[in-house]
């Protein structure tokens, strides 16, 4: 089946997982780029407010939820090959949905008072008021977004990467049409941006649930019906998920950059939005490899295959380094066309081009796939520790110091992010070489599966 031992077969197996994820991530980020393009037509104030609102919901909710469901990456991918009862996988999904429901309650409360929080943080009151319009429409779809995230990670963990790819292929032209009608033809401004975001996320949930119900053998193979077993073993899930929330704090670092630069004015915030969108788009390629590696490695570990797991990691690291090198060269080499594509404002263009020069090297810190390896082992706490240390104790404080003490502006805070990313990847590599015992990790996975598994 999937357990051929030589390198060529392993590369083929990784590629089978990578390419649909790559298409999914690129098109998903492409959706955001299309949105940014339409937002840019509404003027710098709406674009800046949308960026601010999006950043707030990401930092104060979505990134945390995305980190929590990294527990699915570990538990489901290992149970897929290691569990004797396939209903165990569905119960893990149920457990994650219930936990996401509880998680969404305090997040909704924070979002409701987002305007006050942003003003307290020094953001422009007018921008904060507009951003609150965006956030108010996001509150009703918070739980649907979290459910969709859990379902997506579940499908990836069982190797069905193509499902989300097909969904994005359908959504891409539909989203473009909705953007065109609501934002350009009807010219609803900030209200239109909020409505468009609401409709998009509701559509995603409808497509996912429809596919699970009508399009697969999910009900028969993985879904035992709602069961009380979903209310047990929360400790195991949270032990992985809570550090997972901190392990995605790399994403927060990019968003913190924008929050910090929000006090530098509309030009800086607009430039930040463009660079962040392009940077995120290019990072989707190595992120796809990381996602595929997490699943593939989890399958090997769950099947007690330590040698094949090690081969999988070595090959993926080599491929990952090549990918991020290409990404960095593309971003630096095409910085002027990139800037001109998104804006005609000469000042914003100049800032974007200068910023890309600094941002390009961050791919080596954030694009290498070692975090995916550690997540597959259930070592989210290691990733969290390294992220918090490198970004929030070293990189970001240093960058903010450069920004405000030396007047570096955007260049200062992004310099801190680049330095932090390089420190993090060095720390992850050191931990893997120094502390990982491959057979012991397989043994721990077996114990984890036994604790989760339903009786036959």
Protein backbone atom coordinates (compact mmCIF):
# COMPACT_ATOMS: atom_id res chain seq x y z
CA UNK A 1 0.00 0.00 0.00
CA UNK A 2 1.66 3.26 1.12
CA UNK A 3 4.66 1.73 2.85
CA UNK A 4 7.29 1.26 0.12
CA UNK A 5 10.70 1.81 1.64
CA UNK A 6 12.95 3.27 -1.04
CA UNK A 7 13.35 7.00 -1.49
CA UNK A 8 11.69 7.24 -4.90
CA UNK A 9 8.53 5.55 -3.68
CA UNK A 10 8.48 7.76 -0.60
CA UNK A 11 8.82 10.88 -2.73
CA UNK A 12 5.94 9.70 -4.91
CA UNK A 13 3.79 9.14 -1.84
CA UNK A 14 4.63 12.59 -0.46
CA UNK A 15 3.90 14.16 -3.85
CA UNK A 16 0.50 12.45 -3.89
CA UNK A 17 -0.36 14.31 -0.71
CA UNK A 18 1.45 17.56 -1.55
CA UNK A 19 0.02 18.56 -4.90
CA UNK A 20 -3.67 18.82 -3.90
CA UNK A 21 -2.65 20.65 -0.72
CA UNK A 22 -0.48 23.00 -2.77
CA UNK A 23 -3.35 23.78 -5.14
CA UNK A 24 -5.67 24.23 -2.16
CA UNK A 25 -3.35 26.59 -0.27
CA UNK A 26 -2.38 28.61 -3.33
CA UNK A 27 -5.97 29.06 -4.47
CA UNK A 28 -7.07 29.76 -0.90
CA UNK A 29 -4.49 32.50 -0.58
CA UNK A 30 -5.35 33.58 -4.11
CA UNK A 31 -8.89 34.15 -2.89
CA UNK A 32 -7.50 36.57 -0.31
CA UNK A 33 -5.38 38.31 -2.95
CA UNK A 34 -8.47 38.81 -5.12
CA UNK A 35 -10.27 40.24 -2.10
CA UNK A 36 -7.35 42.61 -1.41
CA UNK A 37 -7.46 43.72 -5.05
CA UNK A 38 -11.14 44.64 -4.76
CA UNK A 39 -10.59 46.26 -1.36
CA UNK A 40 -7.90 48.43 -2.91
CA UNK A 41 -10.49 49.86 -5.30
CA UNK A 42 -12.58 51.04 -2.34
CA UNK A 43 -9.81 53.37 -1.19
CA UNK A 44 -6.98 53.24 1.35
CA UNK A 45 -9.27 53.83 4.36
CA UNK A 46 -11.52 50.82 3.65
CA UNK A 47 -8.51 48.70 2.75
CA UNK A 48 -6.73 49.66 5.97
CA UNK A 49 -9.86 49.05 8.09
CA UNK A 50 -10.44 45.67 6.47
CA UNK A 51 -6.84 44.72 7.10
CA UNK A 52 -7.16 45.83 10.73
CA UNK A 53 -10.39 43.89 11.26
CA UNK A 54 -9.00 40.77 9.60
CA UNK A 55 -5.85 40.98 11.69
CA UNK A 56 -7.87 41.28 14.90
CA UNK A 57 -10.08 38.24 14.22
CA UNK A 58 -7.01 36.23 13.23
CA UNK A 59 -4.93 37.06 16.29
CA UNK A 60 -7.83 36.98 18.76
CA UNK A 61 -9.54 33.82 17.55
CA UNK A 62 -8.91 32.13 14.23
CA UNK A 63 -5.18 31.55 14.69
CA UNK A 64 -5.85 30.13 18.15
CA UNK A 65 -8.53 27.80 16.81
CA UNK A 66 -6.29 26.72 13.96
CA UNK A 67 -3.63 25.88 16.51
CA UNK A 68 -6.05 23.93 18.69
CA UNK A 69 -6.96 21.58 15.84
CA UNK A 70 -3.32 20.63 15.30
CA UNK A 71 -4.32 17.94 17.81
CA UNK A 72 -6.30 16.41 14.94
CA UNK A 73 -3.14 16.26 12.82
CA UNK A 74 -1.46 14.16 15.49
CA UNK A 75 -4.33 12.01 16.77
CA UNK A 76 -6.21 11.26 13.55
CA UNK A 77 -3.18 10.68 11.31
CA UNK A 78 -1.72 8.21 13.81
CA UNK A 79 -5.06 6.50 14.48
CA UNK A 80 -5.70 6.18 10.72
CA UNK A 81 -3.07 3.45 10.47
CA UNK A 82 -2.86 2.37 14.11
CA UNK A 83 -6.48 2.09 15.32
CA UNK A 84 -8.43 -1.13 14.87
CA UNK A 85 -11.82 0.60 15.02
CA UNK A 86 -12.17 3.35 12.39
CA UNK A 87 -15.02 4.97 14.34
CA UNK A 88 -12.30 6.19 16.70
CA UNK A 89 -11.39 8.80 14.08
CA UNK A 90 -14.94 10.17 13.92
CA UNK A 91 -15.11 10.45 17.70
CA UNK A 92 -11.91 12.52 17.68
CA UNK A 93 -13.60 14.86 15.17
CA UNK A 94 -16.69 15.07 17.40
CA UNK A 95 -14.48 15.89 20.36
CA UNK A 96 -12.80 18.69 18.45
CA UNK A 97 -16.14 20.20 17.36
CA UNK A 98 -17.45 20.27 20.94
CA UNK A 99 -14.23 21.85 22.20
CA UNK A 100 -14.37 24.43 19.39
CA UNK A 101 -17.91 25.30 20.48
CA UNK A 102 -16.76 26.12 24.00
CA UNK A 103 -13.73 27.95 22.60
CA UNK A 104 -15.90 30.21 20.41
CA UNK A 105 -17.81 31.69 23.37
CA UNK A 106 -15.05 33.81 24.98
CA UNK A 107 -13.67 34.67 21.54
CA UNK A 108 -17.06 36.07 20.47
CA UNK A 109 -17.12 38.20 23.61
CA UNK A 110 -13.69 39.66 22.80
CA UNK A 111 -14.70 40.33 19.19
CA UNK A 112 -17.82 42.19 20.34
CA UNK A 113 -15.61 44.74 22.11
CA UNK A 114 -12.93 44.82 19.41
CA UNK A 115 -13.32 48.53 18.67
CA UNK A 116 -12.65 49.52 22.27
CA UNK A 117 -9.68 47.15 22.47
CA UNK A 118 -8.12 48.50 19.27
CA UNK A 119 -8.53 52.12 20.37
CA UNK A 120 -6.90 51.26 23.71
CA UNK A 121 -3.99 49.81 21.71
CA UNK A 122 -3.49 53.12 19.92
CA UNK A 123 -5.27 52.42 16.63
CA UNK A 124 -7.01 55.22 14.76
CA UNK A 125 -10.60 55.51 16.16
CA UNK A 126 -12.14 55.92 12.69
CA UNK A 127 -10.36 52.82 11.39
CA UNK A 128 -11.35 50.91 14.53
CA UNK A 129 -15.02 51.83 14.01
CA UNK A 130 -14.93 50.60 10.41
CA UNK A 131 -13.06 47.45 11.44
CA UNK A 132 -15.80 46.71 14.01
CA UNK A 133 -18.33 46.54 11.15
CA UNK A 134 -16.25 43.76 9.59
CA UNK A 135 -15.87 41.97 12.93
CA UNK A 136 -19.59 42.18 13.81
CA UNK A 137 -20.42 40.19 10.68
CA UNK A 138 -17.67 37.70 11.51
CA UNK A 139 -19.08 36.83 14.97
CA UNK A 140 -22.03 34.71 13.67
CA UNK A 141 -19.72 32.63 11.47
CA UNK A 142 -16.97 32.10 14.06
CA UNK A 143 -18.20 28.66 15.11
CA UNK A 144 -18.87 27.59 11.47
CA UNK A 145 -15.33 28.68 10.59
CA UNK A 146 -13.91 26.58 13.44
CA UNK A 147 -16.02 23.56 12.44
CA UNK A 148 -14.82 23.91 8.84
CA UNK A 149 -11.23 24.09 10.05
CA UNK A 150 -11.63 20.90 12.09
CA UNK A 151 -13.29 19.06 9.19
CA UNK A 152 -10.57 20.18 6.79
CA UNK A 153 -7.80 18.94 9.10
CA UNK A 154 -9.68 15.67 9.63
CA UNK A 155 -9.97 15.04 5.89
CA UNK A 156 -6.30 15.82 5.40
CA UNK A 157 -5.31 13.49 8.25
CA UNK A 158 -7.08 10.56 6.57
CA UNK A 159 -5.38 11.38 3.27
CA UNK A 160 -8.33 12.99 1.46
CA UNK A 161 -6.51 16.16 0.46
CA UNK A 162 -8.44 16.46 -2.79
CA UNK A 163 -11.75 17.31 -1.09
CA UNK A 164 -10.76 20.83 -0.06
CA UNK A 165 -9.02 21.33 -3.41
CA UNK A 166 -12.27 20.64 -5.30
CA UNK A 167 -14.15 22.97 -2.96
CA UNK A 168 -11.69 25.82 -3.54
CA UNK A 169 -11.86 25.26 -7.30
CA UNK A 170 -15.62 25.82 -7.09
CA UNK A 171 -15.35 28.75 -4.68
CA UNK A 172 -12.66 30.69 -6.58
CA UNK A 173 -14.80 31.91 -9.51
CA UNK A 174 -17.86 32.20 -7.24
CA UNK A 175 -15.95 34.41 -4.79
CA UNK A 176 -14.70 36.60 -7.64
CA UNK A 177 -18.27 37.06 -8.85
CA UNK A 178 -19.54 37.94 -5.36
CA UNK A 179 -16.68 40.42 -4.88
CA UNK A 180 -17.47 42.03 -8.22
CA UNK A 181 -21.19 42.38 -7.52
CA UNK A 182 -21.06 43.44 -3.85
CA UNK A 183 -17.89 45.53 -3.80
CA UNK A 184 -17.78 47.04 -7.29
CA UNK A 185 -21.27 47.08 -8.80
CA UNK A 186 -23.30 47.67 -5.63
CA UNK A 187 -20.42 49.65 -4.08
CA UNK A 188 -21.45 48.80 -0.51
CA UNK A 189 -18.10 49.84 0.93
CA UNK A 190 -17.13 48.47 4.33
CA UNK A 191 -20.56 46.91 4.82
CA UNK A 192 -20.08 45.03 1.55
CA UNK A 193 -16.69 43.73 2.66
CA UNK A 194 -18.25 42.37 5.86
CA UNK A 195 -21.19 40.76 4.02
CA UNK A 196 -18.86 39.15 1.48
CA UNK A 197 -16.76 37.61 4.25
CA UNK A 198 -19.89 36.32 6.03
CA UNK A 199 -21.26 34.67 2.88
CA UNK A 200 -17.94 33.06 2.02
CA UNK A 201 -17.44 31.26 5.33
CA UNK A 202 -21.06 30.12 5.52
CA UNK A 203 -20.73 28.64 2.03
CA UNK A 204 -17.56 26.77 3.04
CA UNK A 205 -19.35 25.06 5.93
CA UNK A 206 -22.33 24.12 3.75
CA UNK A 207 -20.04 22.55 1.14
CA UNK A 208 -18.04 20.59 3.73
CA UNK A 209 -21.09 19.20 5.54
CA UNK A 210 -22.82 18.36 2.25
CA UNK A 211 -19.76 16.49 1.04
CA UNK A 212 -19.44 14.48 4.25
CA UNK A 213 -23.13 13.61 4.22
CA UNK A 214 -23.66 12.84 0.54
CA UNK A 215 -20.27 12.39 -1.10
CA UNK A 216 -18.25 9.87 0.93
CA UNK A 217 -18.45 6.72 3.01
CA UNK A 218 -17.79 8.93 6.04
CA UNK A 219 -21.06 8.03 7.79
CA UNK A 220 -20.49 4.30 7.54
CA UNK A 221 -16.74 4.14 8.07
CA UNK A 222 -15.85 6.94 10.47
CA UNK A 223 -19.03 8.30 12.07
CA UNK A 224 -20.65 6.26 14.87
CA UNK A 225 -23.27 8.93 15.50
CA UNK A 226 -22.98 11.44 18.30
CA UNK A 227 -21.66 9.56 21.30
CA UNK A 228 -20.70 10.22 24.90
CA UNK A 229 -17.20 9.02 24.02
CA UNK A 230 -16.68 12.48 22.51
CA UNK A 231 -16.80 13.86 26.06
CA UNK A 232 -13.87 11.75 27.28
CA UNK A 233 -10.13 12.00 26.63
CA UNK A 234 -10.30 15.77 26.49
CA UNK A 235 -7.08 15.91 28.45
CA UNK A 236 -5.20 14.17 25.62
CA UNK A 237 -6.71 16.49 23.02
CA UNK A 238 -6.08 19.65 25.03
CA UNK A 239 -2.56 18.53 25.92
CA UNK A 240 -1.81 18.72 22.21
CA UNK A 241 -4.22 21.50 21.25
CA UNK A 242 -3.37 24.15 23.83
CA UNK A 243 0.36 24.16 23.00
CA UNK A 244 -0.78 24.01 19.38
CA UNK A 245 -2.47 27.38 19.87
CA UNK A 246 0.89 28.80 20.87
CA UNK A 247 2.73 26.86 18.17
CA UNK A 248 0.92 28.87 15.49
CA UNK A 249 2.09 32.09 17.10
CA UNK A 250 4.37 32.43 14.08
CA UNK A 251 1.20 33.55 12.27
CA UNK A 252 0.54 36.04 15.05
CA UNK A 253 3.95 37.56 14.44
CA UNK A 254 2.95 38.66 10.94
CA UNK A 255 -0.32 40.04 12.28
CA UNK A 256 1.42 41.81 15.17
CA UNK A 257 3.58 43.52 12.56
CA UNK A 258 0.45 45.04 11.06
CA UNK A 259 -1.02 46.04 14.42
CA UNK A 260 2.23 47.76 15.32
CA UNK A 261 2.46 49.50 11.96
CA UNK A 262 -1.18 50.57 12.22
CA UNK A 263 0.03 53.47 14.34
CA UNK A 264 2.43 54.48 11.54
CA UNK A 265 -0.41 55.58 9.24
CA UNK A 266 -2.50 54.38 6.30
CA UNK A 267 0.43 54.13 3.88
CA UNK A 268 2.35 51.72 6.10
CA UNK A 269 -0.74 49.63 6.85
CA UNK A 270 -1.68 49.42 3.16
CA UNK A 271 1.88 48.38 2.24
CA UNK A 272 1.87 45.83 5.05
CA UNK A 273 -1.38 44.34 3.74
CA UNK A 274 0.08 43.89 0.25
CA UNK A 275 3.38 42.39 1.41
CA UNK A 276 1.68 40.11 3.93
CA UNK A 277 -0.72 38.81 1.27
CA UNK A 278 2.05 38.07 -1.25
CA UNK A 279 4.32 36.57 1.38
CA UNK A 280 1.51 34.34 2.64
CA UNK A 281 0.75 33.25 -0.94
CA UNK A 282 4.32 32.10 -1.58
CA UNK A 283 4.60 30.40 1.82
CA UNK A 284 1.64 28.19 0.91
CA UNK A 285 3.96 26.03 -1.22
CA UNK A 286 6.26 24.90 1.63
CA UNK A 287 3.26 24.90 3.99
CA UNK A 288 1.61 22.35 1.70
CA UNK A 289 4.70 20.20 2.02
CA UNK A 290 4.59 20.62 5.79
CA UNK A 291 0.93 19.59 5.92
CA UNK A 292 1.56 16.56 3.73
CA UNK A 293 4.59 15.58 5.80
CA UNK A 294 2.61 15.79 9.04
CA UNK A 295 0.02 13.37 7.68
CA UNK A 296 2.47 11.02 6.00
CA UNK A 297 4.71 10.95 9.06
CA UNK A 298 1.70 10.39 11.32
CA UNK A 299 0.69 7.39 9.21
CA UNK A 300 4.17 5.90 9.50
CA UNK A 301 4.32 6.48 13.25
CA UNK A 302 0.84 5.05 13.78
CA UNK A 303 1.85 1.94 11.85
CA UNK A 304 5.05 1.60 13.95
CA UNK A 305 7.37 2.29 11.00
CA UNK A 306 10.28 4.33 12.47
CA UNK A 307 12.75 3.83 9.60
CA UNK A 308 10.22 4.88 6.98
CA UNK A 309 9.24 7.86 9.11
CA UNK A 310 12.87 9.01 9.26
CA UNK A 311 13.31 8.63 5.49
CA UNK A 312 10.14 10.64 4.93
CA UNK A 313 11.45 13.52 7.07
CA UNK A 314 14.91 13.63 5.45
CA UNK A 315 13.49 13.75 1.92
CA UNK A 316 10.92 16.39 2.86
CA UNK A 317 13.54 18.66 4.43
CA UNK A 318 15.63 18.56 1.23
CA UNK A 319 12.62 19.37 -0.94
CA UNK A 320 11.49 22.07 1.49
CA UNK A 321 14.83 23.87 1.42
CA UNK A 322 14.74 23.96 -2.39
CA UNK A 323 11.20 25.36 -2.37
CA UNK A 324 11.89 28.20 0.06
CA UNK A 325 15.03 29.16 -1.85
CA UNK A 326 12.98 29.55 -5.02
CA UNK A 327 10.31 31.51 -3.15
CA UNK A 328 12.81 33.99 -1.73
CA UNK A 329 14.33 34.60 -5.17
CA UNK A 330 10.90 35.12 -6.78
CA UNK A 331 9.78 37.61 -4.16
CA UNK A 332 12.99 39.64 -4.33
CA UNK A 333 13.36 39.51 -8.11
CA UNK A 334 9.78 40.60 -8.87
CA UNK A 335 9.30 43.14 -6.08
CA UNK A 336 8.52 46.06 -8.42
CA UNK A 337 5.88 44.27 -10.56
CA UNK A 338 4.33 42.91 -7.35
CA UNK A 339 3.99 46.39 -5.88
CA UNK A 340 2.59 47.91 -9.09
CA UNK A 341 0.04 45.12 -9.47
CA UNK A 342 -1.71 46.00 -6.21
CA UNK A 343 -1.47 49.78 -6.08
CA UNK A 344 -0.91 52.84 -8.25
CA UNK A 345 0.07 54.97 -5.28
CA UNK A 346 3.77 55.83 -5.71
CA UNK A 347 4.44 56.15 -1.99
CA UNK A 348 2.85 52.80 -1.16
CA UNK A 349 4.75 51.20 -4.06
CA UNK A 350 8.07 52.50 -2.74
CA UNK A 351 7.37 51.19 0.76
CA UNK A 352 6.31 47.78 -0.60
CA UNK A 353 9.48 47.39 -2.68
CA UNK A 354 11.73 48.32 0.24
CA UNK A 355 9.85 46.03 2.61
CA UNK A 356 10.07 43.02 0.27
CA UNK A 357 13.86 43.33 0.32
CA UNK A 358 13.79 42.64 4.06
CA UNK A 359 10.90 40.14 4.03
CA UNK A 360 12.31 37.74 1.40
CA UNK A 361 14.74 35.94 3.76
CA UNK A 362 11.91 35.16 6.20
CA UNK A 363 10.99 32.20 3.98
CA UNK A 364 14.00 30.32 5.31
CA UNK A 365 12.75 30.70 8.86
CA UNK A 366 9.04 30.16 8.25
CA UNK A 367 8.99 27.93 5.18
CA UNK A 368 11.17 25.05 6.42
CA UNK A 369 8.88 22.20 7.45
CA UNK A 370 10.34 21.17 10.81
CA UNK A 371 7.29 22.40 12.74
CA UNK A 372 5.20 19.88 10.82
CA UNK A 373 7.56 17.10 11.89
CA UNK A 374 7.26 18.03 15.56
CA UNK A 375 3.47 18.32 15.33
CA UNK A 376 3.27 14.83 13.85
CA UNK A 377 5.17 13.55 16.88
CA UNK A 378 2.78 15.39 19.21
CA UNK A 379 5.51 17.86 20.21
CA UNK A 380 3.39 20.98 19.85
CA UNK A 381 4.77 22.19 23.16
CA UNK A 382 8.28 22.28 21.69
CA UNK A 383 7.14 24.36 18.72
CA UNK A 384 5.23 26.64 21.10
CA UNK A 385 8.26 27.13 23.35
CA UNK A 386 10.55 27.94 20.42
CA UNK A 387 8.00 30.31 18.87
CA UNK A 388 7.41 32.21 22.08
CA UNK A 389 11.14 32.47 22.75
CA UNK A 390 12.30 33.41 19.27
CA UNK A 391 9.45 35.73 18.31
CA UNK A 392 8.11 37.27 21.49
CA UNK A 393 11.21 37.36 23.68
CA UNK A 394 13.78 38.16 20.98
CA UNK A 395 12.57 39.01 17.47
CA UNK A 396 9.50 41.20 17.92
CA UNK A 397 10.84 43.25 20.87
CA UNK A 398 14.02 43.87 18.88
CA UNK A 399 12.01 44.79 15.78
CA UNK A 400 9.69 47.14 17.67
CA UNK A 401 12.74 48.77 19.25
CA UNK A 402 14.19 49.38 15.79
CA UNK A 403 10.84 50.70 14.56
CA UNK A 404 10.27 53.34 17.21
CA UNK A 405 13.70 54.03 18.71
CA UNK A 406 15.62 54.21 15.43
CA UNK A 407 12.79 55.23 13.11
CA UNK A 408 13.03 52.16 10.89
CA UNK A 409 9.25 51.95 10.48
CA UNK A 410 8.04 48.75 8.83
CA UNK A 411 11.60 47.64 8.15
CA UNK A 412 12.33 47.47 11.86
CA UNK A 413 9.53 45.17 12.94
CA UNK A 414 9.99 42.90 9.91
CA UNK A 415 13.72 42.63 10.56
CA UNK A 416 12.80 41.25 13.96
CA UNK A 417 10.47 38.69 12.37
CA UNK A 418 13.19 37.48 9.99
CA UNK A 419 15.71 37.07 12.82
CA UNK A 420 13.15 35.25 14.97
CA UNK A 421 12.27 32.82 12.17
CA UNK A 422 15.90 31.85 11.66
CA UNK A 423 16.39 31.32 15.41
CA UNK A 424 13.27 29.13 15.53
CA UNK A 425 14.25 26.83 12.67
CA UNK A 426 17.73 26.33 14.14
CA UNK A 427 16.14 25.41 17.48
CA UNK A 428 13.76 22.93 15.84
CA UNK A 429 16.59 21.25 13.96
CA UNK A 430 18.66 20.97 17.13
CA UNK A 431 15.74 19.39 19.03
CA UNK A 432 15.09 16.81 16.31
CA UNK A 433 18.72 15.74 16.16
CA UNK A 434 19.31 15.81 19.90
CA UNK A 435 16.12 14.47 21.46
CA UNK A 436 14.02 12.46 18.98
CA UNK A 437 14.15 8.68 19.38
CA UNK A 438 12.17 7.37 16.42
CA UNK A 439 11.20 4.04 17.92
CA UNK A 440 10.19 5.65 21.20
CA UNK A 441 7.96 8.09 19.31
CA UNK A 442 6.22 5.14 17.66
CA UNK A 443 5.73 3.51 21.06
CA UNK A 444 4.22 6.71 22.45
CA UNK A 445 1.87 6.89 19.46
CA UNK A 446 0.70 3.33 20.15
CA UNK A 447 -0.11 4.29 23.73
CA UNK A 448 -1.95 7.41 22.57
CA UNK A 449 -4.04 5.38 20.12
CA UNK A 450 -4.92 2.79 22.78
CA UNK A 451 -6.20 5.53 25.07
CA UNK A 452 -8.39 7.00 22.31
CA UNK A 453 -9.67 3.84 20.67
CA UNK A 454 -13.26 2.63 20.86
CA UNK A 455 -13.92 -1.07 21.53
CA UNK A 456 -14.65 -3.19 18.46
